[in-house]
């Protein structure tokens, strides 16, 4: 009789492990495997609609919009904090940046470093993020997002004197960013390709 309880325990533990695995895969995603299938599903959804610039609610279903915005918020915070930290280097955000915007950010950081400045930032949080527009351009999708965030930031010189900003004041920041993803790419990341602020 005791053996049957052991088998039930093993089966329950296997089910729990399987559930945890599936939840992690759903949250973290997979780097390979279904990349093309997911992209083709998005492509079909976009082909069903008029792809001119329209409010996202007309073209995105609610689930797709929420999923995209979760990732966009993480990318936004990662890029802002990486660009505004004191080392004047892009490390954490590099895989999230398109080539053109990466070069622009890199040049701005080089300029800041040449002046002997460094940034201090406290990211308070994102007040809102909304998909403004989306469109298909050749083999890519582009999504424009309006962000409203709260940040404490200032720029300091070598003597740690404040050059700009305020180290104690919370600032409300309004950003409009454009993200892009190639439809046939196995890379799950959307890339920031433009900032419209």
Protein backbone atom coordinates (compact mmCIF):
# COMPACT_ATOMS: atom_id res chain seq x y z
CA UNK A 1 0.00 0.00 0.00
CA UNK A 2 2.83 2.41 0.86
CA UNK A 3 4.34 1.85 -2.60
CA UNK A 4 1.26 3.28 -4.30
CA UNK A 5 1.62 6.49 -2.28
CA UNK A 6 5.25 6.80 -3.42
CA UNK A 7 4.16 6.50 -7.06
CA UNK A 8 1.48 9.15 -6.52
CA UNK A 9 4.10 11.45 -4.94
CA UNK A 10 6.42 10.94 -7.93
CA UNK A 11 3.60 11.64 -10.38
CA UNK A 12 2.56 14.79 -8.48
CA UNK A 13 6.16 16.06 -8.36
CA UNK A 14 6.55 15.39 -12.10
CA UNK A 15 3.35 17.32 -12.81
CA UNK A 16 4.51 20.26 -10.67
CA UNK A 17 7.93 20.26 -12.40
CA UNK A 18 6.23 20.18 -15.81
CA UNK A 19 3.93 23.06 -14.84
CA UNK A 20 6.87 25.16 -13.61
CA UNK A 21 8.81 24.41 -16.81
CA UNK A 22 5.88 25.45 -18.99
CA UNK A 23 5.33 28.66 -17.00
CA UNK A 24 9.03 29.59 -17.25
CA UNK A 25 9.06 28.87 -20.97
CA UNK A 26 5.93 30.99 -21.39
CA UNK A 27 7.46 33.90 -19.46
CA UNK A 28 11.05 33.73 -20.74
CA UNK A 29 10.29 32.44 -24.23
CA UNK A 30 12.49 30.29 -26.40
CA UNK A 31 15.42 31.46 -28.47
CA UNK A 32 14.89 28.92 -31.25
CA UNK A 33 12.27 26.51 -32.46
CA UNK A 34 9.02 28.39 -33.01
CA UNK A 35 10.43 31.79 -34.04
CA UNK A 36 9.28 31.52 -37.63
CA UNK A 37 5.85 30.14 -36.69
CA UNK A 38 5.21 33.00 -34.29
CA UNK A 39 6.37 35.52 -36.88
CA UNK A 40 4.11 34.04 -39.55
CA UNK A 41 1.15 34.19 -37.17
CA UNK A 42 1.82 37.89 -36.59
CA UNK A 43 2.19 38.39 -40.32
CA UNK A 44 -1.22 36.79 -40.96
CA UNK A 45 -2.84 38.98 -38.29
CA UNK A 46 -1.37 42.13 -39.82
CA UNK A 47 -2.39 41.10 -43.33
CA UNK A 48 -6.02 40.87 -42.18
CA UNK A 49 -6.04 44.56 -41.38
CA UNK A 50 -5.33 47.83 -43.13
CA UNK A 51 -1.66 48.39 -42.30
CA UNK A 52 -1.72 52.16 -42.52
CA UNK A 53 -0.98 54.04 -39.32
CA UNK A 54 -4.00 53.62 -37.09
CA UNK A 55 -4.55 53.40 -33.35
CA UNK A 56 -3.31 50.02 -32.12
CA UNK A 57 -6.70 49.04 -30.76
CA UNK A 58 -7.94 48.67 -34.36
CA UNK A 59 -5.12 46.33 -35.36
CA UNK A 60 -3.80 44.53 -32.25
CA UNK A 61 -5.92 42.15 -30.28
CA UNK A 62 -5.84 42.80 -26.55
CA UNK A 63 -3.65 39.80 -25.68
CA UNK A 64 -0.99 40.56 -28.30
CA UNK A 65 -0.85 44.20 -27.20
CA UNK A 66 -0.45 43.30 -23.51
CA UNK A 67 2.29 40.75 -24.25
CA UNK A 68 4.18 43.21 -26.42
CA UNK A 69 3.92 46.00 -23.83
CA UNK A 70 5.31 43.77 -21.07
CA UNK A 71 8.49 43.29 -23.08
CA UNK A 72 8.57 46.93 -24.20
CA UNK A 73 8.45 48.15 -20.59
CA UNK A 74 11.37 45.91 -19.62
CA UNK A 75 13.34 47.10 -22.67
CA UNK A 76 12.54 50.75 -21.87
CA UNK A 77 13.80 50.52 -18.29
CA UNK A 78 16.89 48.54 -19.33
CA UNK A 79 17.85 51.05 -22.03
CA UNK A 80 17.16 54.15 -19.91
CA UNK A 81 19.15 52.90 -16.92
CA UNK A 82 22.01 51.60 -19.09
CA UNK A 83 22.31 54.89 -20.98
CA UNK A 84 22.08 56.95 -17.81
CA UNK A 85 24.44 55.04 -15.54
CA UNK A 86 27.85 56.30 -14.50
CA UNK A 87 30.09 54.07 -16.67
CA UNK A 88 29.20 55.86 -19.96
CA UNK A 89 28.93 52.48 -21.72
CA UNK A 90 26.09 50.50 -23.28
CA UNK A 91 26.27 46.98 -21.93
CA UNK A 92 22.89 45.58 -20.84
CA UNK A 93 20.94 47.37 -23.57
CA UNK A 94 23.19 46.61 -26.57
CA UNK A 95 21.14 43.56 -27.75
CA UNK A 96 17.98 45.71 -27.65
CA UNK A 97 19.24 48.49 -29.92
CA UNK A 98 19.16 48.75 -33.69
CA UNK A 99 22.49 49.59 -35.34
CA UNK A 100 21.68 53.24 -36.08
CA UNK A 101 20.37 54.09 -32.61
CA UNK A 102 23.22 52.17 -30.96
CA UNK A 103 25.73 54.37 -32.81
CA UNK A 104 23.82 57.54 -31.83
CA UNK A 105 23.76 56.54 -28.16
CA UNK A 106 27.42 55.54 -28.29
CA UNK A 107 28.41 58.93 -29.72
CA UNK A 108 26.39 60.76 -27.05
CA UNK A 109 28.13 58.75 -24.32
CA UNK A 110 31.56 59.42 -25.85
CA UNK A 111 30.77 63.14 -25.85
CA UNK A 112 29.65 62.97 -22.22
CA UNK A 113 32.78 61.09 -21.22
CA UNK A 114 35.07 63.52 -23.08
CA UNK A 115 33.63 66.35 -20.96
CA UNK A 116 34.27 64.36 -17.80
CA UNK A 117 30.58 64.04 -17.01
CA UNK A 118 28.71 61.06 -15.63
CA UNK A 119 25.06 60.43 -14.93
CA UNK A 120 23.23 59.35 -11.82
CA UNK A 121 19.74 57.88 -12.19
CA UNK A 122 17.03 56.42 -10.03
CA UNK A 123 14.32 54.82 -12.14
CA UNK A 124 11.07 55.24 -10.18
CA UNK A 125 8.80 53.44 -12.63
CA UNK A 126 6.62 53.57 -15.72
CA UNK A 127 3.32 55.38 -15.19
CA UNK A 128 1.92 54.31 -18.54
CA UNK A 129 2.87 52.63 -21.80
CA UNK A 130 0.55 52.50 -24.80
CA UNK A 131 0.92 51.21 -28.33
CA UNK A 132 0.33 54.24 -30.53
CA UNK A 133 0.70 52.80 -34.03
CA UNK A 134 2.06 49.80 -35.84
CA UNK A 135 2.85 49.01 -39.44
CA UNK A 136 4.48 46.44 -41.65
CA UNK A 137 7.43 47.61 -43.74
CA UNK A 138 8.66 44.97 -46.19
CA UNK A 139 9.70 42.05 -43.95
CA UNK A 140 9.56 43.92 -40.65
CA UNK A 141 6.98 45.06 -38.16
CA UNK A 142 7.33 48.46 -36.50
CA UNK A 143 5.46 49.41 -33.34
CA UNK A 144 5.43 52.93 -31.88
CA UNK A 145 4.95 53.18 -28.11
CA UNK A 146 4.23 56.21 -25.91
CA UNK A 147 5.88 55.94 -22.48
CA UNK A 148 5.32 58.11 -19.43
CA UNK A 149 7.84 57.41 -16.68
CA UNK A 150 9.19 58.89 -13.47
CA UNK A 151 12.93 59.26 -13.06
CA UNK A 152 15.35 61.05 -10.75
CA UNK A 153 18.39 61.94 -12.83
CA UNK A 154 21.26 64.38 -12.92
CA UNK A 155 24.55 64.91 -14.72
CA UNK A 156 27.66 65.51 -12.64
CA UNK A 157 31.22 66.57 -13.39
CA UNK A 158 34.47 65.07 -12.07
CA UNK A 159 34.10 66.99 -8.81
CA UNK A 160 30.59 65.52 -8.43
CA UNK A 161 28.99 68.92 -8.90
CA UNK A 162 25.60 68.84 -10.63
CA UNK A 163 25.80 70.12 -14.22
CA UNK A 164 22.15 69.47 -15.07
CA UNK A 165 19.14 67.79 -13.54
CA UNK A 166 18.30 67.40 -9.86
CA UNK A 167 19.41 64.54 -7.60
CA UNK A 168 16.31 64.84 -5.42
CA UNK A 169 13.49 65.82 -7.76
CA UNK A 170 11.29 63.26 -9.50
CA UNK A 171 10.89 64.17 -13.14
CA UNK A 172 8.05 62.97 -15.36
CA UNK A 173 9.43 61.93 -18.74
CA UNK A 174 7.38 61.54 -21.95
CA UNK A 175 9.00 59.32 -24.59
CA UNK A 176 7.85 57.94 -27.92
CA UNK A 177 9.92 55.01 -29.11
CA UNK A 178 9.76 52.89 -32.25
CA UNK A 179 10.52 49.16 -31.99
CA UNK A 180 11.12 46.84 -34.94
CA UNK A 181 11.28 43.10 -35.50
CA UNK A 182 12.04 41.11 -38.63
CA UNK A 183 9.20 38.70 -39.39
CA UNK A 184 11.48 35.80 -40.33
CA UNK A 185 14.10 36.33 -37.63
CA UNK A 186 14.61 33.64 -34.98
CA UNK A 187 15.69 36.39 -32.56
CA UNK A 188 12.77 36.98 -30.16
CA UNK A 189 13.92 40.52 -29.29
CA UNK A 190 12.33 43.64 -30.70
CA UNK A 191 14.93 46.32 -31.38
CA UNK A 192 14.64 50.01 -30.58
CA UNK A 193 15.24 51.78 -33.90
CA UNK A 194 14.12 55.35 -33.21
CA UNK A 195 13.27 57.78 -30.41
CA UNK A 196 10.79 60.53 -31.28
CA UNK A 197 11.13 62.72 -28.18
